[in-house]
Amino acid sequence: MDQIKEELTKGDPLSTWWPYIVAAVVGVVVTVRSIMGGQRCPSENKIDGLVVVMTGGTGGIGWEVCKEVCSRSGHIILACRNMEKAEKMIRTLKKLQPNAVIEPIYMDLKSFDCVRRFVKTIESKFSQIDILINNAGLMFHPFEKTVDGYEMHLQCNYLGHFLLTILLLPLLHKSRQGRIINVSAHAHTTAKMDYEDPLNIGPWATPYHPRDAFAHAKLACILVTRHLATRVCHKTNVTVNSLTPGLVRGTGHLDSSPIMKALCAKVITYPWMWLFMKTPSQGAQTIIYLATEPKLKEVSGKFFNDCEIVESSEVSRDDKLAEKLVKESMSAVKIEKLML
């Protein structure tokens, strides 16, 4: 009998150190995922009937924002290039939320003329809009110029949205409290900007790297946010803020990276991406917060991360550079005045 008891004791997993190792590993993983996931939007505020114009809403972060805005009774105007994908997304959303109010209107950020036509359509349908979410963008795109002659990252991530914002300012001003939300990225911290060439037109060919082009465009988003907030919208009821959604997986952007096309790279990196990167739902929380939080009614020109105001890079706070950038941007999109 004593021998049996001894064998049972040896076989008891709790008498070994392995359970403690497993528990510690699980605890670390859960803690890291909790920290990297960021804060959930603390606002439960409804936005009954408010008109929300949004780019990039057919997948990834944008899809999560659309679901949340519709659940809060917002009226979404989906500016999208792929209408077939948009219709499919809306059918899916309607199954989840039968009362969702969402309609797609064609717009391609690669064409300034298309952006102008989109705005004319909006003006013909709505007397005002309440929220503009500039979310669409691309990443790791090989060098290519748009029909307007600008590098693809620059126009799709920045110039197209700049034109859209300026043209919609009068409709935003008619809202009781118009909000402009510019989605930037952590990558802006690695970007540099030449004061004499803020649109980075000169060095396109030599050297060119998609990562740098993406970072440059996201830096421009923050600079123009600060300028609009302090020089254009400061005496109006329109606020403009920018944010980083954090490092987010499942958006499709990384699929276009040359590195991620290799199977071995996916096998090695995906577990780490799962551990250290946000889900699209987690990445959407700050956008939702900026769109719905009543306390932000008079907050403008700020940069947000995880639903909190944080400080962006030093170059992104250069007001003289921002003014120069806006001047060059107005020339690029052929706008003479910034006015409400």
Protein backbone atom coordinates (compact mmCIF):
# COMPACT_ATOMS: atom_id res chain seq x y z
CA MET A 1 0.00 0.00 0.00
CA ASP A 2 2.81 2.41 0.83
CA GLN A 3 4.38 1.70 -2.53
CA ILE A 4 1.10 2.52 -4.35
CA LYS A 5 0.80 5.82 -2.46
CA GLU A 6 4.36 6.67 -3.40
CA GLU A 7 3.72 6.00 -7.09
CA LEU A 8 0.52 8.09 -7.04
CA THR A 9 2.41 10.94 -5.45
CA LYS A 10 5.05 10.77 -8.16
CA GLY A 11 2.33 10.80 -10.81
CA ASP A 12 0.56 13.81 -9.35
CA PRO A 13 1.21 16.73 -11.80
CA LEU A 14 0.73 19.24 -9.01
CA SER A 15 3.78 17.83 -7.26
CA THR A 16 5.99 18.93 -10.18
CA TRP A 17 7.01 22.39 -11.33
CA TRP A 18 5.49 22.10 -14.83
CA PRO A 19 2.04 23.42 -13.91
CA TYR A 20 3.62 26.53 -12.48
CA ILE A 21 5.59 27.11 -15.68
CA VAL A 22 2.46 26.65 -17.79
CA ALA A 23 0.46 28.97 -15.53
CA ALA A 24 3.20 31.59 -15.69
CA VAL A 25 3.38 31.42 -19.49
CA VAL A 26 -0.41 31.68 -19.81
CA GLY A 27 -0.41 34.61 -17.40
CA VAL A 28 2.27 36.45 -19.39
CA VAL A 29 0.45 35.84 -22.69
CA VAL A 30 -2.87 37.05 -21.29
CA THR A 31 -1.19 40.13 -19.79
CA VAL A 32 0.62 41.01 -23.04
CA ARG A 33 -2.55 40.56 -25.10
CA SER A 34 -4.47 42.75 -22.64
CA ILE A 35 -1.86 45.52 -22.77
CA MET A 36 -1.35 45.41 -26.54
CA GLY A 37 -5.12 45.31 -27.13
CA GLY A 38 -5.45 48.82 -25.75
CA GLN A 39 -8.42 50.50 -24.13
CA ARG A 40 -11.98 49.92 -25.25
CA CYS A 41 -14.02 52.98 -26.15
CA PRO A 42 -15.36 54.26 -22.81
CA SER A 43 -18.29 56.06 -24.46
CA GLU A 44 -21.65 54.33 -24.83
CA ASN A 45 -23.21 57.46 -26.34
CA LYS A 46 -25.77 57.13 -29.12
CA ILE A 47 -25.45 59.34 -32.19
CA ASP A 48 -29.06 59.15 -33.33
CA GLY A 49 -29.41 60.14 -36.98
CA LEU A 50 -26.03 61.82 -37.27
CA VAL A 51 -24.63 61.59 -40.81
CA VAL A 52 -21.19 59.97 -40.90
CA VAL A 53 -19.10 60.03 -44.08
CA MET A 54 -16.42 57.38 -43.95
CA THR A 55 -13.70 56.14 -46.28
CA GLY A 56 -12.21 52.67 -46.03
CA GLY A 57 -15.22 51.06 -44.40
CA THR A 58 -15.44 47.78 -46.29
CA GLY A 59 -12.91 45.81 -44.28
CA GLY A 60 -10.52 45.70 -41.35
CA ILE A 61 -10.79 48.61 -38.92
CA GLY A 62 -13.39 50.38 -41.06
CA TRP A 63 -15.76 47.41 -40.96
CA GLU A 64 -15.63 47.42 -37.15
CA VAL A 65 -16.29 51.17 -37.05
CA CYS A 66 -19.28 50.77 -39.36
CA LYS A 67 -20.80 48.08 -37.16
CA GLU A 68 -20.39 50.20 -34.05
CA VAL A 69 -21.64 53.44 -35.60
CA CYS A 70 -24.73 51.68 -36.96
CA SER A 71 -25.40 50.10 -33.56
CA ARG A 72 -25.40 53.63 -32.14
CA SER A 73 -28.01 54.76 -34.69
CA GLY A 74 -25.66 56.69 -36.93
CA HIS A 75 -26.35 57.15 -40.67
CA ILE A 76 -23.26 56.04 -42.60
CA ILE A 77 -22.31 57.23 -46.06
CA LEU A 78 -19.68 54.77 -47.24
CA ALA A 79 -17.23 56.33 -49.70
CA CYS A 80 -15.80 53.32 -51.50
CA ARG A 81 -14.02 52.32 -54.67
CA ASN A 82 -15.16 48.68 -54.80
CA MET A 83 -18.95 48.87 -54.94
CA GLU A 84 -19.40 45.11 -55.20
CA LYS A 85 -17.43 44.59 -52.01
CA ALA A 86 -19.39 47.39 -50.33
CA GLU A 87 -22.75 45.84 -51.23
CA LYS A 88 -21.62 42.47 -49.89
CA MET A 89 -20.42 44.10 -46.67
CA ILE A 90 -23.73 45.94 -46.24
CA ARG A 91 -25.73 42.74 -46.72
CA THR A 92 -23.66 41.12 -43.98
CA LEU A 93 -24.13 44.12 -41.72
CA LYS A 94 -27.89 44.13 -42.29
CA LYS A 95 -28.06 40.54 -41.11
CA LEU A 96 -26.36 41.56 -37.87
CA GLN A 97 -28.22 44.85 -37.51
CA PRO A 98 -31.46 44.93 -39.57
CA ASN A 99 -32.07 48.59 -38.68
CA ALA A 100 -28.65 49.77 -39.80
CA VAL A 101 -28.70 52.86 -42.04
CA ILE A 102 -25.78 52.69 -44.45
CA GLU A 103 -25.41 53.54 -48.12
CA PRO A 104 -22.42 53.28 -50.45
CA ILE A 105 -21.40 56.02 -52.87
CA TYR A 106 -18.58 55.51 -55.33
CA MET A 107 -15.34 57.40 -54.72
CA ASP A 108 -11.74 56.68 -55.67
CA LEU A 109 -9.08 58.60 -53.76
CA LYS A 110 -6.68 58.06 -56.65
CA SER A 111 -8.60 60.67 -58.63
CA PHE A 112 -9.22 64.24 -57.48
CA ASP A 113 -11.97 64.55 -60.06
CA CYS A 114 -13.71 61.51 -58.57
CA VAL A 115 -13.48 63.03 -55.07
CA ARG A 116 -15.10 66.22 -56.37
CA ARG A 117 -17.93 64.26 -57.99
CA PHE A 118 -18.48 62.38 -54.73
CA VAL A 119 -18.80 65.66 -52.82
CA LYS A 120 -21.31 66.99 -55.35
CA THR A 121 -23.39 63.84 -54.80
CA ILE A 122 -23.25 64.38 -51.04
CA GLU A 123 -24.26 68.02 -51.43
CA SER A 124 -27.26 67.02 -53.52
CA LYS A 125 -28.48 64.52 -50.91
CA PHE A 126 -27.66 66.12 -47.56
CA SER A 127 -27.97 69.61 -46.12
CA GLN A 128 -25.27 68.82 -43.56
CA ILE A 129 -22.92 66.09 -42.39
CA ASP A 130 -21.86 65.58 -38.80
CA ILE A 131 -18.78 63.38 -38.84
CA LEU A 132 -16.07 62.75 -41.43
CA ILE A 133 -13.80 59.74 -40.85
CA ASN A 134 -10.77 59.68 -43.16
CA ASN A 135 -9.79 56.06 -42.68
CA ALA A 136 -8.93 54.58 -46.09
CA GLY A 137 -5.36 54.03 -47.09
CA LEU A 138 -2.81 51.70 -48.60
CA MET A 139 0.56 50.36 -47.53
CA PHE A 140 3.57 48.68 -49.15
CA HIS A 141 2.41 49.73 -52.62
CA PRO A 142 5.16 49.66 -55.26
CA PHE A 143 6.02 52.98 -56.85
CA GLU A 144 3.19 54.20 -59.01
CA LYS A 145 1.69 57.55 -59.91
CA THR A 146 -2.02 58.34 -59.83
CA VAL A 147 -3.94 59.88 -62.74
CA ASP A 148 -3.21 63.25 -61.11
CA GLY A 149 0.53 62.61 -61.19
CA TYR A 150 1.20 62.00 -57.50
CA GLU A 151 2.75 59.03 -55.73
CA MET A 152 0.10 56.51 -54.71
CA HIS A 153 0.63 56.57 -50.91
CA LEU A 154 0.69 60.36 -50.90
CA GLN A 155 -2.61 60.75 -52.75
CA CYS A 156 -4.60 57.84 -51.29
CA ASN A 157 -3.48 58.32 -47.69
CA TYR A 158 -3.28 62.10 -47.61
CA LEU A 159 -4.02 64.35 -50.61
CA GLY A 160 -7.32 62.69 -51.52
CA HIS A 161 -8.52 62.99 -47.95
CA PHE A 162 -7.26 66.57 -47.76
CA LEU A 163 -9.38 67.52 -50.77
CA LEU A 164 -12.39 65.61 -49.42
CA THR A 165 -12.11 67.38 -46.06
CA ILE A 166 -11.81 70.87 -47.50
CA LEU A 167 -14.77 70.37 -49.84
CA LEU A 168 -16.96 69.00 -47.04
CA LEU A 169 -16.11 71.74 -44.52
CA PRO A 170 -19.21 73.84 -45.36
CA LEU A 171 -21.52 70.86 -44.71
CA LEU A 172 -19.68 70.03 -41.49
CA HIS A 173 -20.07 73.62 -40.35
CA LYS A 174 -23.86 73.27 -40.62
CA SER A 175 -23.80 70.51 -38.01
CA ARG A 176 -24.26 71.42 -34.36
CA GLN A 177 -20.82 69.98 -33.78
CA GLY A 178 -18.99 68.70 -36.85
CA ARG A 179 -16.11 66.30 -36.31
CA ILE A 180 -13.22 65.45 -38.62
CA ILE A 181 -11.24 62.33 -37.72
CA ASN A 182 -7.96 61.67 -39.52
CA VAL A 183 -6.49 58.19 -39.15
CA SER A 184 -2.69 58.36 -39.00
CA ALA A 185 -0.28 55.66 -37.74
CA HIS A 186 2.62 54.96 -35.40
CA ALA A 187 4.78 55.01 -38.54
CA HIS A 188 4.62 58.82 -38.63
CA THR A 189 7.37 58.85 -35.99
CA THR A 190 9.89 57.53 -38.55
CA ALA A 191 9.00 60.09 -41.22
CA LYS A 192 10.96 63.17 -42.14
CA MET A 193 9.74 66.09 -44.21
CA ASP A 194 11.75 68.56 -46.24
CA TYR A 195 10.48 72.09 -45.60
CA GLU A 196 11.27 73.04 -49.20
CA ASP A 197 9.48 69.96 -50.55
CA PRO A 198 6.83 68.97 -47.98
CA LEU A 199 4.87 66.80 -50.43
CA ASN A 200 8.04 64.79 -51.07
CA ILE A 201 7.65 65.12 -54.82
CA GLY A 202 11.34 65.51 -55.60
CA PRO A 203 12.87 62.25 -54.31
CA TRP A 204 10.23 59.83 -55.61
CA ALA A 205 12.56 57.94 -57.88
CA THR A 206 15.79 57.93 -55.86
CA PRO A 207 15.44 56.54 -53.36
CA TYR A 208 11.90 55.20 -53.01
CA HIS A 209 10.62 52.80 -50.38
CA PRO A 210 6.92 52.06 -49.73
CA ARG A 211 7.51 52.12 -45.97
CA ASP A 212 8.90 55.65 -46.13
CA ALA A 213 6.13 56.81 -48.47
CA PHE A 214 3.50 55.46 -46.07
CA ALA A 215 5.14 57.12 -43.05
CA HIS A 216 5.43 60.44 -44.90
CA ALA A 217 1.72 60.45 -45.80
CA LYS A 218 0.71 59.63 -42.22
CA LEU A 219 2.91 62.44 -40.91
CA ALA A 220 1.15 64.80 -43.31
CA CYS A 221 -2.21 63.75 -41.85
CA ILE A 222 -1.16 64.93 -38.39
CA LEU A 223 0.35 68.18 -39.62
CA VAL A 224 -2.77 69.15 -41.56
CA THR A 225 -4.92 68.23 -38.55
CA ARG A 226 -3.07 70.72 -36.38
CA HIS A 227 -3.24 73.42 -39.04
CA LEU A 228 -6.97 73.03 -39.67
CA ALA A 229 -7.68 73.03 -35.94
CA THR A 230 -5.70 76.19 -35.18
CA ARG A 231 -6.00 78.23 -38.38
CA VAL A 232 -9.29 77.25 -40.04
CA CYS A 233 -11.73 75.66 -37.59
CA HIS A 234 -10.66 77.30 -34.32
CA LYS A 235 -13.56 79.78 -34.21
CA THR A 236 -16.19 77.36 -35.53
CA ASN A 237 -18.15 74.39 -34.23
CA VAL A 238 -15.99 71.97 -36.26
CA THR A 239 -13.29 69.98 -34.49
CA VAL A 240 -10.51 68.03 -36.17
CA ASN A 241 -8.34 65.39 -34.50
CA SER A 242 -5.98 62.64 -35.59
CA LEU A 243 -5.14 59.24 -34.13
CA THR A 244 -3.16 56.07 -34.46
CA PRO A 245 -5.14 52.84 -34.29
CA GLY A 246 -1.98 51.05 -33.15
CA LEU A 247 -0.40 48.01 -34.74
CA VAL A 248 -3.34 46.10 -36.18
CA ARG A 249 -3.43 42.69 -37.83
CA GLY A 250 -6.14 41.44 -40.16
CA THR A 251 -6.44 44.64 -42.22
CA GLY A 252 -4.94 43.17 -45.39
CA HIS A 253 -2.19 45.78 -45.53
CA LEU A 254 0.55 43.38 -44.50
CA ASP A 255 -0.50 40.93 -47.21
CA SER A 256 0.99 43.28 -49.80
CA SER A 257 4.38 43.29 -48.10
CA PRO A 258 7.00 41.37 -50.14
CA ILE A 259 8.25 39.73 -46.95
CA MET A 260 4.83 38.40 -45.96
CA LYS A 261 4.38 36.66 -49.31
CA ALA A 262 6.85 33.97 -48.23
CA LEU A 263 5.28 31.01 -46.41
CA CYS A 264 8.19 30.69 -43.98
CA ALA A 265 7.82 34.36 -43.02
CA LYS A 266 4.13 33.84 -42.27
CA VAL A 267 4.83 30.79 -40.12
CA ILE A 268 7.45 32.68 -38.13
CA THR A 269 5.67 36.04 -37.77
CA TYR A 270 1.98 35.19 -37.37
CA PRO A 271 2.26 33.91 -33.77
CA TRP A 272 4.06 37.12 -32.81
CA MET A 273 1.54 39.22 -34.70
CA TRP A 274 -1.24 37.49 -32.77
CA LEU A 275 0.53 38.26 -29.51
CA PHE A 276 1.65 41.84 -30.07
CA MET A 277 -0.82 43.32 -32.58
CA LYS A 278 -4.41 44.45 -32.11
CA THR A 279 -7.45 42.93 -33.75
CA PRO A 280 -9.36 45.24 -36.13
CA SER A 281 -12.03 45.66 -33.43
CA GLN A 282 -9.41 46.82 -30.94
CA GLY A 283 -7.86 49.12 -33.54
CA ALA A 284 -11.24 50.74 -34.17
CA GLN A 285 -11.86 51.82 -30.58
CA THR A 286 -10.17 55.23 -30.75
CA ILE A 287 -12.02 56.14 -33.94
CA ILE A 288 -15.31 55.20 -32.28
CA TYR A 289 -14.35 57.24 -29.22
CA LEU A 290 -13.57 60.35 -31.27
CA ALA A 291 -16.84 60.01 -33.16
CA THR A 292 -19.15 59.46 -30.18
CA GLU A 293 -17.69 60.90 -26.97
CA PRO A 294 -19.63 64.04 -25.88
CA LYS A 295 -16.71 65.27 -23.76
CA LEU A 296 -14.67 65.87 -26.92
CA LYS A 297 -17.02 68.57 -28.16
CA GLU A 298 -14.39 71.29 -27.78
CA VAL A 299 -11.24 69.16 -28.16
CA SER A 300 -9.45 69.89 -31.44
CA GLY A 301 -6.00 69.59 -32.96
CA LYS A 302 -5.00 66.68 -30.74
CA PHE A 303 -3.42 63.29 -31.44
CA PHE A 304 -4.96 60.21 -29.82
CA ASN A 305 -3.83 56.69 -29.01
CA ASP A 306 -5.94 54.15 -27.09
CA CYS A 307 -8.67 56.75 -26.50
CA GLU A 308 -6.26 59.15 -24.81
CA ILE A 309 -4.48 62.32 -25.90
CA VAL A 310 -0.78 61.64 -26.46
CA GLU A 311 2.09 63.57 -27.97
CA SER A 312 2.97 62.92 -31.59
CA SER A 313 6.48 63.20 -33.04
CA GLU A 314 8.41 66.45 -32.80
CA VAL A 315 8.30 67.14 -36.55
CA SER A 316 4.52 66.62 -36.57
CA ARG A 317 4.20 69.57 -34.15
CA ASP A 318 6.06 72.03 -36.40
CA ASP A 319 3.43 74.67 -37.18
CA LYS A 320 5.54 76.41 -39.83
CA LEU A 321 6.02 73.12 -41.63
CA ALA A 322 2.28 72.44 -41.35
CA GLU A 323 1.50 75.81 -42.92
CA LYS A 324 3.92 75.14 -45.76
CA LEU A 325 2.44 71.66 -46.29
CA VAL A 326 -1.11 72.98 -46.45
CA LYS A 327 -0.10 75.66 -48.94
CA GLU A 328 1.52 73.07 -51.20
CA SER A 329 -1.43 70.71 -50.75
CA MET A 330 -3.90 73.42 -51.79
CA SER A 331 -1.88 73.97 -54.93
CA ALA A 332 -1.79 70.24 -55.64
CA VAL A 333 -5.59 69.83 -55.39
CA LYS A 334 -6.23 73.23 -57.04
CA ILE A 335 -7.99 74.97 -54.15
CA GLU A 336 -7.42 78.70 -53.69
CA LYS A 337 -8.93 79.32 -50.25
CA LEU A 338 -9.60 77.45 -47.03
CA MET A 339 -12.95 78.64 -45.78
CA LEU A 340 -16.17 77.45 -44.17
